[in-house]
Amino acid sequence: MTISTEQFISVNVGTNINDGTGDSLRDAFNKINQNFSNISSIGVNTGNISCQRTIEILGNLILQEPSVPATSNAAGAAGQITWDNNYIYICVATNTWKRASLATW
């Protein structure tokens, strides 16, 4: 089960600084804690995630709906990885794909 970013609880920051129209500090942090709790216990389903460091995954990484390149010079950005039943494809440079065959053992 996953949650989408639309299910996060928004913190009301008010209209202007210190105008009293936003959430109290206590209510705001309760909402933030609930958002973190949802992420850690359920997971998150989002669009693109950008990371400048290492991403560590405990458990399985499951990628859905792969889209494989039709040719070795199909559109792609370096670092993209995808697959089908026969190959794993890696984009090694802009619009430059390489593939390796998959086999059972």
PDB file of N, CA and C in Angstrom:
ATOM      1  N   MET A   1       0.847  -1.177   0.000  1.00  0.00           N
ATOM      2  CA  MET A   1       0.000   0.000   0.000  1.00  0.00           C
ATOM      3  C   MET A   1       0.890   1.237   0.000  1.00  0.00           C
ATOM      4  N   THR A   2       0.515   2.235  -0.753  1.00  0.00           N
ATOM      5  CA  THR A   2       1.269   3.479  -0.797  1.00  0.00           C
ATOM      6  C   THR A   2       0.338   4.655  -0.595  1.00  0.00           C
ATOM      7  N   ILE A   3       0.907   5.756  -0.228  1.00  0.00           N
ATOM      8  CA  ILE A   3       0.147   6.996  -0.153  1.00  0.00           C
ATOM      9  C   ILE A   3       0.693   7.926  -1.214  1.00  0.00           C
ATOM     10  N   SER A   4      -0.114   8.794  -1.709  1.00  0.00           N
ATOM     11  CA  SER A   4       0.360   9.769  -2.685  1.00  0.00           C
ATOM     12  C   SER A   4       0.582  11.094  -1.976  1.00  0.00           C
ATOM     13  N   THR A   5       1.303  11.969  -2.631  1.00  0.00           N
ATOM     14  CA  THR A   5       1.584  13.264  -2.018  1.00  0.00           C
ATOM     15  C   THR A   5       0.311  14.063  -1.775  1.00  0.00           C
ATOM     16  N   GLU A   6      -0.763  13.761  -2.484  1.00  0.00           N
ATOM     17  CA  GLU A   6      -2.020  14.469  -2.264  1.00  0.00           C
ATOM     18  C   GLU A   6      -2.624  14.123  -0.911  1.00  0.00           C
ATOM     19  N   GLN A   7      -2.195  13.023  -0.277  1.00  0.00           N
ATOM     20  CA  GLN A   7      -2.761  12.609   1.000  1.00  0.00           C
ATOM     21  C   GLN A   7      -2.024  13.201   2.197  1.00  0.00           C
ATOM     22  N   PHE A   8      -0.970  13.953   1.973  1.00  0.00           N
ATOM     23  CA  PHE A   8      -0.262  14.573   3.076  1.00  0.00           C
ATOM     24  C   PHE A   8      -1.133  15.638   3.722  1.00  0.00           C
ATOM     25  N   ILE A   9      -0.914  15.824   5.002  1.00  0.00           N
ATOM     26  CA  ILE A   9      -1.639  16.844   5.754  1.00  0.00           C
ATOM     27  C   ILE A   9      -0.886  18.160   5.602  1.00  0.00           C
ATOM     28  N   SER A  10      -1.541  19.157   5.086  1.00  0.00           N
ATOM     29  CA  SER A  10      -0.900  20.453   4.866  1.00  0.00           C
ATOM     30  C   SER A  10      -0.855  21.272   6.147  1.00  0.00           C
ATOM     31  N   VAL A  11       0.252  21.959   6.327  1.00  0.00           N
ATOM     32  CA  VAL A  11       0.387  22.893   7.437  1.00  0.00           C
ATOM     33  C   VAL A  11      -0.049  24.264   6.927  1.00  0.00           C
ATOM     34  N   ASN A  12      -1.002  24.871   7.627  1.00  0.00           N
ATOM     35  CA  ASN A  12      -1.491  26.196   7.253  1.00  0.00           C
ATOM     36  C   ASN A  12      -0.515  27.232   7.787  1.00  0.00           C
ATOM     37  N   VAL A  13       0.232  27.874   6.888  1.00  0.00           N
ATOM     38  CA  VAL A  13       1.235  28.868   7.311  1.00  0.00           C
ATOM     39  C   VAL A  13       0.656  30.270   7.412  1.00  0.00           C
ATOM     40  N   GLY A  14      -0.608  30.433   7.145  1.00  0.00           N
ATOM     41  CA  GLY A  14      -1.233  31.744   7.250  1.00  0.00           C
ATOM     42  C   GLY A  14      -1.042  32.570   5.999  1.00  0.00           C
ATOM     43  N   THR A  15      -1.597  33.768   6.027  1.00  0.00           N
ATOM     44  CA  THR A  15      -1.519  34.671   4.885  1.00  0.00           C
ATOM     45  C   THR A  15      -0.278  35.540   4.950  1.00  0.00           C
ATOM     46  N   ASN A  16       0.001  36.101   6.118  1.00  0.00           N
ATOM     47  CA  ASN A  16       1.158  36.961   6.339  1.00  0.00           C
ATOM     48  C   ASN A  16       1.864  36.533   7.615  1.00  0.00           C
ATOM     49  N   ILE A  17       3.098  36.971   7.780  1.00  0.00           N
ATOM     50  CA  ILE A  17       3.878  36.624   8.968  1.00  0.00           C
ATOM     51  C   ILE A  17       3.165  37.100  10.229  1.00  0.00           C
ATOM     52  N   ASN A  18       3.007  36.174  11.172  1.00  0.00           N
ATOM     53  CA  ASN A  18       2.441  36.464  12.500  1.00  0.00           C
ATOM     54  C   ASN A  18       1.075  37.134  12.468  1.00  0.00           C
ATOM     55  N   ASP A  19       0.259  36.792  11.459  1.00  0.00           N
ATOM     56  CA  ASP A  19      -1.070  37.401  11.402  1.00  0.00           C
ATOM     57  C   ASP A  19      -2.134  36.560  12.116  1.00  0.00           C
ATOM     58  N   GLY A  20      -1.731  35.417  12.670  1.00  0.00           N
ATOM     59  CA  GLY A  20      -2.657  34.592  13.435  1.00  0.00           C
ATOM     60  C   GLY A  20      -3.594  33.746  12.599  1.00  0.00           C
ATOM     61  N   THR A  21      -3.421  33.700  11.269  1.00  0.00           N
ATOM     62  CA  THR A  21      -4.337  32.936  10.426  1.00  0.00           C
ATOM     63  C   THR A  21      -3.855  31.510  10.159  1.00  0.00           C
ATOM     64  N   GLY A  22      -2.627  31.189  10.540  1.00  0.00           N
ATOM     65  CA  GLY A  22      -2.089  29.847  10.299  1.00  0.00           C
ATOM     66  C   GLY A  22      -2.309  28.916  11.473  1.00  0.00           C
ATOM     67  N   ASP A  23      -1.805  27.674  11.329  1.00  0.00           N
ATOM     68  CA  ASP A  23      -1.875  26.702  12.415  1.00  0.00           C
ATOM     69  C   ASP A  23      -1.006  27.163  13.581  1.00  0.00           C
ATOM     70  N   SER A  24      -1.403  26.746  14.774  1.00  0.00           N
ATOM     71  CA  SER A  24      -0.535  26.985  15.928  1.00  0.00           C
ATOM     72  C   SER A  24       0.714  26.122  15.760  1.00  0.00           C
ATOM     73  N   LEU A  25       1.761  26.457  16.473  1.00  0.00           N
ATOM     74  CA  LEU A  25       3.006  25.703  16.388  1.00  0.00           C
ATOM     75  C   LEU A  25       2.775  24.239  16.747  1.00  0.00           C
ATOM     76  N   ARG A  26       1.992  23.992  17.769  1.00  0.00           N
ATOM     77  CA  ARG A  26       1.688  22.614  18.189  1.00  0.00           C
ATOM     78  C   ARG A  26       0.941  21.867  17.091  1.00  0.00           C
ATOM     79  N   ASP A  27      -0.097  22.475  16.529  1.00  0.00           N
ATOM     80  CA  ASP A  27      -0.861  21.820  15.463  1.00  0.00           C
ATOM     81  C   ASP A  27       0.009  21.555  14.237  1.00  0.00           C
ATOM     82  N   ALA A  28       0.870  22.517  13.888  1.00  0.00           N
ATOM     83  CA  ALA A  28       1.742  22.354  12.726  1.00  0.00           C
ATOM     84  C   ALA A  28       2.668  21.157  12.906  1.00  0.00           C
ATOM     85  N   PHE A  29       3.310  21.051  14.078  1.00  0.00           N
ATOM     86  CA  PHE A  29       4.227  19.932  14.297  1.00  0.00           C
ATOM     87  C   PHE A  29       3.483  18.605  14.414  1.00  0.00           C
ATOM     88  N   ASN A  30       2.276  18.597  14.922  1.00  0.00           N
ATOM     89  CA  ASN A  30       1.482  17.362  14.921  1.00  0.00           C
ATOM     90  C   ASN A  30       1.225  16.901  13.491  1.00  0.00           C
ATOM     91  N   LYS A  31       0.922  17.833  12.591  1.00  0.00           N
ATOM     92  CA  LYS A  31       0.710  17.480  11.186  1.00  0.00           C
ATOM     93  C   LYS A  31       1.998  16.952  10.553  1.00  0.00           C
ATOM     94  N   ILE A  32       3.120  17.603  10.843  1.00  0.00           N
ATOM     95  CA  ILE A  32       4.410  17.158  10.306  1.00  0.00           C
ATOM     96  C   ILE A  32       4.739  15.757  10.816  1.00  0.00           C
ATOM     97  N   ASN A  33       4.559  15.518  12.104  1.00  0.00           N
ATOM     98  CA  ASN A  33       4.808  14.185  12.662  1.00  0.00           C
ATOM     99  C   ASN A  33       3.920  13.134  12.005  1.00  0.00           C
ATOM    100  N   GLN A  34       2.672  13.459  11.763  1.00  0.00           N
ATOM    101  CA  GLN A  34       1.760  12.515  11.119  1.00  0.00           C
ATOM    102  C   GLN A  34       2.218  12.218   9.699  1.00  0.00           C
ATOM    103  N   ASN A  35       2.692  13.223   8.962  1.00  0.00           N
ATOM    104  CA  ASN A  35       3.197  12.995   7.607  1.00  0.00           C
ATOM    105  C   ASN A  35       4.397  12.052   7.626  1.00  0.00           C
ATOM    106  N   PHE A  36       5.345  12.265   8.548  1.00  0.00           N
ATOM    107  CA  PHE A  36       6.499  11.376   8.642  1.00  0.00           C
ATOM    108  C   PHE A  36       6.077   9.975   9.049  1.00  0.00           C
ATOM    109  N   SER A  37       5.113   9.866   9.927  1.00  0.00           N
ATOM    110  CA  SER A  37       4.617   8.555  10.340  1.00  0.00           C
ATOM    111  C   SER A  37       4.011   7.811   9.154  1.00  0.00           C
ATOM    112  N   ASN A  38       3.248   8.525   8.329  1.00  0.00           N
ATOM    113  CA  ASN A  38       2.655   7.900   7.141  1.00  0.00           C
ATOM    114  C   ASN A  38       3.730   7.396   6.189  1.00  0.00           C
ATOM    115  N   ILE A  39       4.769   8.176   5.974  1.00  0.00           N
ATOM    116  CA  ILE A  39       5.833   7.787   5.059  1.00  0.00           C
ATOM    117  C   ILE A  39       6.551   6.549   5.572  1.00  0.00           C
ATOM    118  N   SER A  40       6.883   6.528   6.860  1.00  0.00           N
ATOM    119  CA  SER A  40       7.687   5.425   7.387  1.00  0.00           C
ATOM    120  C   SER A  40       6.888   4.139   7.524  1.00  0.00           C
ATOM    121  N   SER A  41       5.586   4.203   7.744  1.00  0.00           N
ATOM    122  CA  SER A  41       4.817   2.980   7.941  1.00  0.00           C
ATOM    123  C   SER A  41       4.128   2.488   6.678  1.00  0.00           C
ATOM    124  N   ILE A  42       3.840   3.370   5.738  1.00  0.00           N
ATOM    125  CA  ILE A  42       3.088   2.977   4.553  1.00  0.00           C
ATOM    126  C   ILE A  42       3.929   3.051   3.294  1.00  0.00           C
ATOM    127  N   GLY A  43       4.752   4.056   3.170  1.00  0.00           N
ATOM    128  CA  GLY A  43       5.512   4.277   1.945  1.00  0.00           C
ATOM    129  C   GLY A  43       4.982   5.512   1.248  1.00  0.00           C
ATOM    130  N   VAL A  44       5.641   5.907   0.202  1.00  0.00           N
ATOM    131  CA  VAL A  44       5.206   7.085  -0.524  1.00  0.00           C
ATOM    132  C   VAL A  44       5.233   6.806  -2.020  1.00  0.00           C
ATOM    133  N   ASN A  45       4.235   7.280  -2.709  1.00  0.00           N
ATOM    134  CA  ASN A  45       4.135   7.116  -4.149  1.00  0.00           C
ATOM    135  C   ASN A  45       4.206   8.522  -4.731  1.00  0.00           C
ATOM    136  N   THR A  46       5.291   8.834  -5.397  1.00  0.00           N
ATOM    137  CA  THR A  46       5.479  10.187  -5.894  1.00  0.00           C
ATOM    138  C   THR A  46       5.993  10.145  -7.322  1.00  0.00           C
ATOM    139  N   GLY A  47       6.188  11.279  -7.899  1.00  0.00           N
ATOM    140  CA  GLY A  47       6.742  11.359  -9.251  1.00  0.00           C
ATOM    141  C   GLY A  47       8.251  11.210  -9.210  1.00  0.00           C
ATOM    142  N   ASN A  48       8.964  12.100  -9.816  1.00  0.00           N
ATOM    143  CA  ASN A  48      10.424  12.030  -9.839  1.00  0.00           C
ATOM    144  C   ASN A  48      11.002  12.408  -8.488  1.00  0.00           C
ATOM    145  N   ILE A  49      12.007  11.651  -8.073  1.00  0.00           N
ATOM    146  CA  ILE A  49      12.733  11.960  -6.852  1.00  0.00           C
ATOM    147  C   ILE A  49      14.174  12.220  -7.249  1.00  0.00           C
ATOM    148  N   SER A  50      14.705  13.337  -6.841  1.00  0.00           N
ATOM    149  CA  SER A  50      16.089  13.688  -7.139  1.00  0.00           C
ATOM    150  C   SER A  50      16.907  13.553  -5.864  1.00  0.00           C
ATOM    151  N   CYS A  51      18.067  12.929  -5.975  1.00  0.00           N
ATOM    152  CA  CYS A  51      18.922  12.720  -4.815  1.00  0.00           C
ATOM    153  C   CYS A  51      20.363  13.002  -5.197  1.00  0.00           C
ATOM    154  N   GLN A  52      21.062  13.738  -4.374  1.00  0.00           N
ATOM    155  CA  GLN A  52      22.461  14.056  -4.618  1.00  0.00           C
ATOM    156  C   GLN A  52      23.403  13.086  -3.917  1.00  0.00           C
ATOM    157  N   ARG A  53      22.911  12.198  -3.136  1.00  0.00           N
ATOM    158  CA  ARG A  53      23.716  11.249  -2.363  1.00  0.00           C
ATOM    159  C   ARG A  53      23.215   9.831  -2.602  1.00  0.00           C
ATOM    160  N   THR A  54      23.544   8.929  -1.719  1.00  0.00           N
ATOM    161  CA  THR A  54      23.166   7.521  -1.816  1.00  0.00           C
ATOM    162  C   THR A  54      21.724   7.324  -1.365  1.00  0.00           C
ATOM    163  N   ILE A  55      21.003   6.458  -2.062  1.00  0.00           N
ATOM    164  CA  ILE A  55      19.676   6.028  -1.618  1.00  0.00           C
ATOM    165  C   ILE A  55      19.823   4.584  -1.153  1.00  0.00           C
ATOM    166  N   GLU A  56      19.463   4.326   0.085  1.00  0.00           N
ATOM    167  CA  GLU A  56      19.552   2.983   0.635  1.00  0.00           C
ATOM    168  C   GLU A  56      18.142   2.437   0.780  1.00  0.00           C
ATOM    169  N   ILE A  57      17.937   1.227   0.280  1.00  0.00           N
ATOM    170  CA  ILE A  57      16.624   0.608   0.341  1.00  0.00           C
ATOM    171  C   ILE A  57      16.748  -0.671   1.147  1.00  0.00           C
ATOM    172  N   LEU A  58      15.989  -0.766   2.209  1.00  0.00           N
ATOM    173  CA  LEU A  58      15.960  -1.977   3.013  1.00  0.00           C
ATOM    174  C   LEU A  58      14.768  -2.794   2.548  1.00  0.00           C
ATOM    175  N   GLY A  59      15.021  -3.961   2.007  1.00  0.00           N
ATOM    176  CA  GLY A  59      13.957  -4.773   1.445  1.00  0.00           C
ATOM    177  C   GLY A  59      14.056  -4.766  -0.063  1.00  0.00           C
ATOM    178  N   ASN A  60      12.955  -4.930  -0.737  1.00  0.00           N
ATOM    179  CA  ASN A  60      12.925  -5.040  -2.193  1.00  0.00           C
ATOM    180  C   ASN A  60      12.623  -3.703  -2.850  1.00  0.00           C
ATOM    181  N   LEU A  61      13.248  -3.486  -3.989  1.00  0.00           N
ATOM    182  CA  LEU A  61      12.924  -2.353  -4.848  1.00  0.00           C
ATOM    183  C   LEU A  61      12.123  -2.913  -6.013  1.00  0.00           C
ATOM    184  N   ILE A  62      10.908  -2.469  -6.166  1.00  0.00           N
ATOM    185  CA  ILE A  62      10.043  -2.953  -7.240  1.00  0.00           C
ATOM    186  C   ILE A  62       9.713  -1.779  -8.139  1.00  0.00           C
ATOM    187  N   LEU A  63      10.147  -1.861  -9.388  1.00  0.00           N
ATOM    188  CA  LEU A  63       9.869  -0.824 -10.377  1.00  0.00           C
ATOM    189  C   LEU A  63       8.750  -1.321 -11.275  1.00  0.00           C
ATOM    190  N   GLN A  64       7.762  -0.509 -11.483  1.00  0.00           N
ATOM    191  CA  GLN A  64       6.617  -0.914 -12.283  1.00  0.00           C
ATOM    192  C   GLN A  64       6.582  -0.191 -13.609  1.00  0.00           C
ATOM    193  N   GLU A  65       5.936  -0.812 -14.574  1.00  0.00           N
ATOM    194  CA  GLU A  65       5.697  -0.252 -15.898  1.00  0.00           C
ATOM    195  C   GLU A  65       6.970   0.233 -16.585  1.00  0.00           C
ATOM    196  N   PRO A  66       7.910  -0.683 -16.825  1.00  0.00           N
ATOM    197  CA  PRO A  66       9.123  -0.253 -17.530  1.00  0.00           C
ATOM    198  C   PRO A  66       8.811   0.155 -18.964  1.00  0.00           C
ATOM    199  N   SER A  67       9.546   1.111 -19.461  1.00  0.00           N
ATOM    200  CA  SER A  67       9.429   1.559 -20.841  1.00  0.00           C
ATOM    201  C   SER A  67      10.793   1.392 -21.479  1.00  0.00           C
ATOM    202  N   VAL A  68      10.929   0.428 -22.373  1.00  0.00           N
ATOM    203  CA  VAL A  68      12.238   0.120 -22.948  1.00  0.00           C
ATOM    204  C   VAL A  68      12.479   0.934 -24.218  1.00  0.00           C
ATOM    205  N   PRO A  69      13.747   1.273 -24.493  1.00  0.00           N
ATOM    206  CA  PRO A  69      14.066   2.026 -25.705  1.00  0.00           C
ATOM    207  C   PRO A  69      13.885   1.148 -26.943  1.00  0.00           C
ATOM    208  N   ALA A  70      13.384   1.727 -28.016  1.00  0.00           N
ATOM    209  CA  ALA A  70      13.174   0.981 -29.262  1.00  0.00           C
ATOM    210  C   ALA A  70      14.483   0.766 -30.015  1.00  0.00           C
ATOM    211  N   THR A  71      15.424   1.689 -29.844  1.00  0.00           N
ATOM    212  CA  THR A  71      16.718   1.594 -30.523  1.00  0.00           C
ATOM    213  C   THR A  71      17.814   2.036 -29.568  1.00  0.00           C
ATOM    214  N   SER A  72      19.066   1.799 -29.959  1.00  0.00           N
ATOM    215  CA  SER A  72      20.189   2.172 -29.095  1.00  0.00           C
ATOM    216  C   SER A  72      20.384   3.686 -28.999  1.00  0.00           C
ATOM    217  N   ASN A  73      19.747   4.458 -29.886  1.00  0.00           N
ATOM    218  CA  ASN A  73      19.864   5.917 -29.816  1.00  0.00           C
ATOM    219  C   ASN A  73      18.516   6.583 -29.502  1.00  0.00           C
ATOM    220  N   ALA A  74      17.637   5.838 -28.849  1.00  0.00           N
ATOM    221  CA  ALA A  74      16.343   6.390 -28.437  1.00  0.00           C
ATOM    222  C   ALA A  74      16.561   7.451 -27.356  1.00  0.00           C
ATOM    223  N   ALA A  75      15.579   8.299 -27.169  1.00  0.00           N
ATOM    224  CA  ALA A  75      15.670   9.364 -26.161  1.00  0.00           C
ATOM    225  C   ALA A  75      15.914   8.765 -24.782  1.00  0.00           C
ATOM    226  N   GLY A  76      16.839   9.358 -24.073  1.00  0.00           N
ATOM    227  CA  GLY A  76      17.135   8.891 -22.723  1.00  0.00           C
ATOM    228  C   GLY A  76      18.167   9.785 -22.074  1.00  0.00           C
ATOM    229  N   ALA A  77      18.210   9.733 -20.752  1.00  0.00           N
ATOM    230  CA  ALA A  77      19.182  10.503 -19.982  1.00  0.00           C
ATOM    231  C   ALA A  77      20.127   9.533 -19.281  1.00  0.00           C
ATOM    232  N   ALA A  78      21.391   9.898 -19.216  1.00  0.00           N
ATOM    233  CA  ALA A  78      22.380   9.038 -18.583  1.00  0.00           C
ATOM    234  C   ALA A  78      21.927   8.621 -17.190  1.00  0.00           C
ATOM    235  N   GLY A  79      22.014   7.337 -16.911  1.00  0.00           N
ATOM    236  CA  GLY A  79      21.625   6.807 -15.613  1.00  0.00           C
ATOM    237  C   GLY A  79      20.284   6.110 -15.600  1.00  0.00           C
ATOM    238  N   GLN A  80      19.474   6.288 -16.635  1.00  0.00           N
ATOM    239  CA  GLN A  80      18.191   5.597 -16.682  1.00  0.00           C
ATOM    240  C   GLN A  80      18.432   4.089 -16.814  1.00  0.00           C
ATOM    241  N   ILE A  81      17.625   3.319 -16.118  1.00  0.00           N
ATOM    242  CA  ILE A  81      17.695   1.860 -16.195  1.00  0.00           C
ATOM    243  C   ILE A  81      16.279   1.340 -16.382  1.00  0.00           C
ATOM    244  N   THR A  82      16.111   0.399 -17.289  1.00  0.00           N
ATOM    245  CA  THR A  82      14.812  -0.225 -17.519  1.00  0.00           C
ATOM    246  C   THR A  82      15.038  -1.660 -17.986  1.00  0.00           C
ATOM    247  N   TRP A  83      13.998  -2.403 -18.209  1.00  0.00           N
ATOM    248  CA  TRP A  83      14.140  -3.803 -18.592  1.00  0.00           C
ATOM    249  C   TRP A  83      12.886  -4.303 -19.284  1.00  0.00           C
ATOM    250  N   ASP A  84      13.040  -5.472 -19.924  1.00  0.00           N
ATOM    251  CA  ASP A  84      11.898  -6.244 -20.404  1.00  0.00           C
ATOM    252  C   ASP A  84      12.207  -7.703 -20.069  1.00  0.00           C
ATOM    253  N   ASN A  85      11.501  -8.645 -20.679  1.00  0.00           N
ATOM    254  CA  ASN A  85      11.703 -10.058 -20.340  1.00  0.00           C
ATOM    255  C   ASN A  85      13.060 -10.599 -20.781  1.00  0.00           C
ATOM    256  N   ASN A  86      13.727  -9.934 -21.706  1.00  0.00           N
ATOM    257  CA  ASN A  86      14.959 -10.467 -22.262  1.00  0.00           C
ATOM    258  C   ASN A  86      16.214  -9.664 -21.953  1.00  0.00           C
ATOM    259  N   TYR A  87      16.071  -8.362 -21.666  1.00  0.00           N
ATOM    260  CA  TYR A  87      17.246  -7.504 -21.511  1.00  0.00           C
ATOM    261  C   TYR A  87      17.071  -6.518 -20.364  1.00  0.00           C
ATOM    262  N   ILE A  88      18.199  -6.059 -19.841  1.00  0.00           N
ATOM    263  CA  ILE A  88      18.229  -4.883 -18.982  1.00  0.00           C
ATOM    264  C   ILE A  88      18.915  -3.797 -19.798  1.00  0.00           C
ATOM    265  N   TYR A  89      18.337  -2.609 -19.814  1.00  0.00           N
ATOM    266  CA  TYR A  89      18.829  -1.496 -20.631  1.00  0.00           C
ATOM    267  C   TYR A  89      19.354  -0.404 -19.707  1.00  0.00           C
ATOM    268  N   ILE A  90      20.508   0.162 -20.051  1.00  0.00           N
ATOM    269  CA  ILE A  90      21.086   1.260 -19.287  1.00  0.00           C
ATOM    270  C   ILE A  90      21.453   2.369 -20.249  1.00  0.00           C
ATOM    271  N   CYS A  91      20.978   3.568 -19.947  1.00  0.00           N
ATOM    272  CA  CYS A  91      21.348   4.729 -20.744  1.00  0.00           C
ATOM    273  C   CYS A  91      22.676   5.241 -20.191  1.00  0.00           C
ATOM    274  N   VAL A  92      23.727   5.160 -21.007  1.00  0.00           N
ATOM    275  CA  VAL A  92      25.075   5.499 -20.546  1.00  0.00           C
ATOM    276  C   VAL A  92      25.464   6.942 -20.870  1.00  0.00           C
ATOM    277  N   ALA A  93      24.753   7.577 -21.766  1.00  0.00           N
ATOM    278  CA  ALA A  93      24.956   8.989 -22.128  1.00  0.00           C
ATOM    279  C   ALA A  93      23.661   9.452 -22.779  1.00  0.00           C
ATOM    280  N   THR A  94      23.496  10.734 -22.978  1.00  0.00           N
ATOM    281  CA  THR A  94      22.269  11.238 -23.595  1.00  0.00           C
ATOM    282  C   THR A  94      21.978  10.481 -24.881  1.00  0.00           C
ATOM    283  N   ASN A  95      20.794   9.879 -24.937  1.00  0.00           N
ATOM    284  CA  ASN A  95      20.315   9.129 -26.114  1.00  0.00           C
ATOM    285  C   ASN A  95      21.258   8.006 -26.538  1.00  0.00           C
ATOM    286  N   THR A  96      21.953   7.396 -25.591  1.00  0.00           N
ATOM    287  CA  THR A  96      22.860   6.281 -25.877  1.00  0.00           C
ATOM    288  C   THR A  96      22.585   5.149 -24.902  1.00  0.00           C
ATOM    289  N   TRP A  97      21.995   4.069 -25.422  1.00  0.00           N
ATOM    290  CA  TRP A  97      21.597   2.932 -24.598  1.00  0.00           C
ATOM    291  C   TRP A  97      22.481   1.725 -24.859  1.00  0.00           C
ATOM    292  N   LYS A  98      22.715   0.948 -23.803  1.00  0.00           N
ATOM    293  CA  LYS A  98      23.360  -0.361 -23.920  1.00  0.00           C
ATOM    294  C   LYS A  98      22.452  -1.354 -23.241  1.00  0.00           C
ATOM    295  N   ARG A  99      22.554  -2.619 -23.648  1.00  0.00           N
ATOM    296  CA  ARG A  99      21.694  -3.633 -23.030  1.00  0.00           C
ATOM    297  C   ARG A  99      22.501  -4.890 -22.779  1.00  0.00           C
ATOM    298  N   ALA A 100      22.058  -5.656 -21.802  1.00  0.00           N
ATOM    299  CA  ALA A 100      22.652  -6.959 -21.481  1.00  0.00           C
ATOM    300  C   ALA A 100      21.525  -7.961 -21.417  1.00  0.00           C
ATOM    301  N   SER A 101      21.752  -9.152 -21.947  1.00  0.00           N
ATOM    302  CA  SER A 101      20.686 -10.160 -21.956  1.00  0.00           C
ATOM    303  C   SER A 101      20.520 -10.767 -20.577  1.00  0.00           C
ATOM    304  N   LEU A 102      19.314 -11.199 -20.312  1.00  0.00           N
ATOM    305  CA  LEU A 102      18.960 -11.843 -19.057  1.00  0.00           C
ATOM    306  C   LEU A 102      18.825 -13.342 -19.279  1.00  0.00           C
ATOM    307  N   ALA A 103      19.220 -14.127 -18.322  1.00  0.00           N
ATOM    308  CA  ALA A 103      19.115 -15.588 -18.451  1.00  0.00           C
ATOM    309  C   ALA A 103      18.779 -16.173 -17.083  1.00  0.00           C
ATOM    310  N   THR A 104      18.152 -17.305 -17.079  1.00  0.00           N
ATOM    311  CA  THR A 104      17.885 -18.011 -15.819  1.00  0.00           C
ATOM    312  C   THR A 104      19.120 -18.794 -15.422  1.00  0.00           C
ATOM    313  N   TRP A 105      19.232 -19.177 -14.198  1.00  0.00           N
ATOM    314  CA  TRP A 105      20.363 -19.997 -13.758  1.00  0.00           C
ATOM    315  C   TRP A 105      19.900 -21.042 -12.774  1.00  0.00           C
TER     316      TRP A 105
END
